[in-house]
Each structure stands twice: as C-alpha cells, then as structure tokens.
Amino acid sequence: MFILNIEPVATAFVGLLALSLLSLLSLLLMHDADGLDFRRREVSAARRKAMVAAH
C-alpha cells in the first residue's frame, strides 16, 4: 500500500511519541522508589506468616 500524503501519518506518529514520553515522565515523577517496594515486602511477609501459622 502506497500512502500519497505522509503528513497525517507523521503527525499521528509524533503525537503518539509525545504521549508515550509524557506518560513515561509522569511515571518517573510519581514513582516513589521505597513506597511500592515496602508495601510489596510487607504483604509477602504477612503471607509467609499466614502460611507458617496454617501448618
């Protein structure tokens, strides 16, 4: 398939690229390195305790 007018395609591509960069930036800004990890460790520790108590 041959596209005669490439401008809309280029515009869409640039738009998608900008959107993905924006979402990546927001993820980096919102990510607090310790918070999520700490919760995950806390949950897995609670699960281990429950497993030990069950046996």
N, C-alpha and C. Protein backbone atom coordinates (compact mmCIF):
# COMPACT_ATOMS: atom_id res chain seq x y z
N MET A 1 0.84 -1.18 0.00
CA MET A 1 0.00 0.00 0.00
C MET A 1 0.89 1.24 0.00
N PHE A 2 0.59 2.16 -0.89
CA PHE A 2 1.38 3.38 -1.02
C PHE A 2 0.59 4.58 -0.51
N ILE A 3 1.17 5.30 0.46
CA ILE A 3 0.48 6.47 1.01
C ILE A 3 0.94 7.70 0.24
N LEU A 4 -0.02 8.40 -0.38
CA LEU A 4 0.31 9.58 -1.16
C LEU A 4 0.70 10.75 -0.27
N ASN A 5 -0.07 10.96 0.77
CA ASN A 5 0.21 12.10 1.66
C ASN A 5 0.71 11.57 3.00
N ILE A 6 1.96 11.84 3.30
CA ILE A 6 2.57 11.26 4.51
C ILE A 6 2.36 12.13 5.74
N GLU A 7 1.91 13.36 5.54
CA GLU A 7 1.79 14.29 6.66
C GLU A 7 0.89 13.80 7.80
N PRO A 8 -0.32 13.28 7.53
CA PRO A 8 -1.16 12.80 8.64
C PRO A 8 -0.51 11.65 9.40
N VAL A 9 0.20 10.80 8.68
CA VAL A 9 0.88 9.67 9.31
C VAL A 9 1.99 10.18 10.23
N ALA A 10 2.75 11.14 9.74
CA ALA A 10 3.84 11.72 10.53
C ALA A 10 3.29 12.43 11.76
N THR A 11 2.18 13.15 11.57
CA THR A 11 1.57 13.86 12.69
C THR A 11 1.10 12.88 13.76
N ALA A 12 0.48 11.80 13.33
CA ALA A 12 -0.01 10.79 14.27
C ALA A 12 1.16 10.16 15.01
N PHE A 13 2.24 9.88 14.29
CA PHE A 13 3.41 9.26 14.90
C PHE A 13 4.03 10.18 15.95
N VAL A 14 4.17 11.45 15.60
CA VAL A 14 4.74 12.42 16.54
C VAL A 14 3.84 12.56 17.76
N GLY A 15 2.53 12.55 17.53
CA GLY A 15 1.58 12.63 18.64
C GLY A 15 1.71 11.46 19.59
N LEU A 16 1.81 10.26 19.02
CA LEU A 16 1.96 9.06 19.84
C LEU A 16 3.27 9.07 20.61
N LEU A 17 4.32 9.53 19.95
CA LEU A 17 5.63 9.61 20.59
C LEU A 17 5.59 10.57 21.77
N ALA A 18 4.96 11.73 21.56
CA ALA A 18 4.86 12.72 22.63
C ALA A 18 4.04 12.17 23.79
N LEU A 19 2.97 11.46 23.47
CA LEU A 19 2.11 10.88 24.50
C LEU A 19 2.87 9.85 25.33
N SER A 20 3.65 9.01 24.65
CA SER A 20 4.39 7.98 25.38
C SER A 20 5.49 8.60 26.24
N LEU A 21 6.12 9.64 25.74
CA LEU A 21 7.14 10.32 26.54
C LEU A 21 6.53 10.98 27.77
N LEU A 22 5.34 11.56 27.57
CA LEU A 22 4.64 12.20 28.69
C LEU A 22 4.27 11.18 29.76
N SER A 23 3.78 10.04 29.33
CA SER A 23 3.38 9.01 30.30
C SER A 23 4.60 8.45 31.03
N LEU A 24 5.69 8.30 30.30
CA LEU A 24 6.92 7.82 30.93
C LEU A 24 7.42 8.82 31.97
N LEU A 25 7.36 10.10 31.61
CA LEU A 25 7.80 11.15 32.52
C LEU A 25 6.93 11.17 33.77
N SER A 26 5.61 11.04 33.59
CA SER A 26 4.72 11.06 34.75
C SER A 26 4.96 9.84 35.63
N LEU A 27 5.26 8.70 35.02
CA LEU A 27 5.57 7.51 35.80
C LEU A 27 6.82 7.72 36.64
N LEU A 28 7.83 8.33 36.03
CA LEU A 28 9.08 8.56 36.74
C LEU A 28 8.89 9.55 37.89
N LEU A 29 8.04 10.56 37.65
CA LEU A 29 7.82 11.58 38.67
C LEU A 29 6.98 11.04 39.83
N MET A 30 6.00 10.21 39.51
CA MET A 30 5.09 9.71 40.54
C MET A 30 5.68 8.54 41.31
N HIS A 31 6.66 7.88 40.75
CA HIS A 31 7.21 6.67 41.35
C HIS A 31 8.04 7.01 42.57
N ASP A 32 7.58 6.57 43.75
CA ASP A 32 8.46 6.73 44.90
C ASP A 32 9.09 5.37 45.17
N ALA A 33 10.39 5.34 45.06
CA ALA A 33 11.14 4.09 44.97
C ALA A 33 10.89 3.18 46.17
N ASP A 34 10.76 3.76 47.33
CA ASP A 34 10.65 2.93 48.53
C ASP A 34 9.22 2.48 48.79
N GLY A 35 8.25 3.35 48.52
CA GLY A 35 6.87 3.09 48.90
C GLY A 35 6.30 1.79 48.37
N LEU A 36 6.39 1.60 47.07
CA LEU A 36 5.81 0.43 46.44
C LEU A 36 6.52 -0.84 46.89
N ASP A 37 7.83 -0.77 46.92
CA ASP A 37 8.64 -1.92 47.33
C ASP A 37 8.35 -2.32 48.77
N PHE A 38 8.22 -1.31 49.60
CA PHE A 38 7.97 -1.55 51.01
C PHE A 38 6.63 -2.27 51.20
N ARG A 39 5.59 -1.82 50.50
CA ARG A 39 4.28 -2.45 50.58
C ARG A 39 4.36 -3.90 50.13
N ARG A 40 5.08 -4.13 49.04
CA ARG A 40 5.18 -5.48 48.48
C ARG A 40 5.85 -6.42 49.48
N ARG A 41 6.93 -5.94 50.10
CA ARG A 41 7.63 -6.75 51.10
C ARG A 41 6.74 -7.02 52.30
N GLU A 42 5.98 -6.00 52.69
CA GLU A 42 5.07 -6.12 53.83
C GLU A 42 4.01 -7.19 53.57
N VAL A 43 3.45 -7.16 52.38
CA VAL A 43 2.40 -8.13 52.01
C VAL A 43 2.97 -9.54 51.95
N SER A 44 4.15 -9.69 51.35
CA SER A 44 4.73 -11.04 51.25
C SER A 44 5.13 -11.57 52.63
N ALA A 45 5.56 -10.70 53.52
CA ALA A 45 5.88 -11.13 54.88
C ALA A 45 4.63 -11.60 55.61
N ALA A 46 3.54 -10.88 55.41
CA ALA A 46 2.27 -11.26 56.04
C ALA A 46 1.80 -12.61 55.51
N ARG A 47 1.99 -12.82 54.21
CA ARG A 47 1.59 -14.10 53.60
C ARG A 47 2.42 -15.25 54.18
N ARG A 48 3.73 -15.00 54.34
CA ARG A 48 4.60 -16.04 54.90
C ARG A 48 4.17 -16.40 56.33
N LYS A 49 3.85 -15.37 57.11
CA LYS A 49 3.39 -15.61 58.48
C LYS A 49 2.12 -16.45 58.48
N ALA A 50 1.21 -16.14 57.57
CA ALA A 50 -0.06 -16.87 57.49
C ALA A 50 0.19 -18.32 57.09
N MET A 51 1.14 -18.53 56.17
CA MET A 51 1.45 -19.89 55.73
C MET A 51 2.05 -20.71 56.88
N VAL A 52 2.95 -20.08 57.63
CA VAL A 52 3.60 -20.76 58.75
C VAL A 52 2.56 -21.09 59.83
N ALA A 53 1.65 -20.15 60.08
CA ALA A 53 0.62 -20.37 61.10
C ALA A 53 -0.35 -21.47 60.68
N ALA A 54 -0.58 -21.61 59.38
CA ALA A 54 -1.54 -22.60 58.87
C ALA A 54 -0.99 -24.03 59.00
N HIS A 55 0.33 -24.16 59.01
CA HIS A 55 0.90 -25.52 59.03
C HIS A 55 1.15 -26.03 60.41
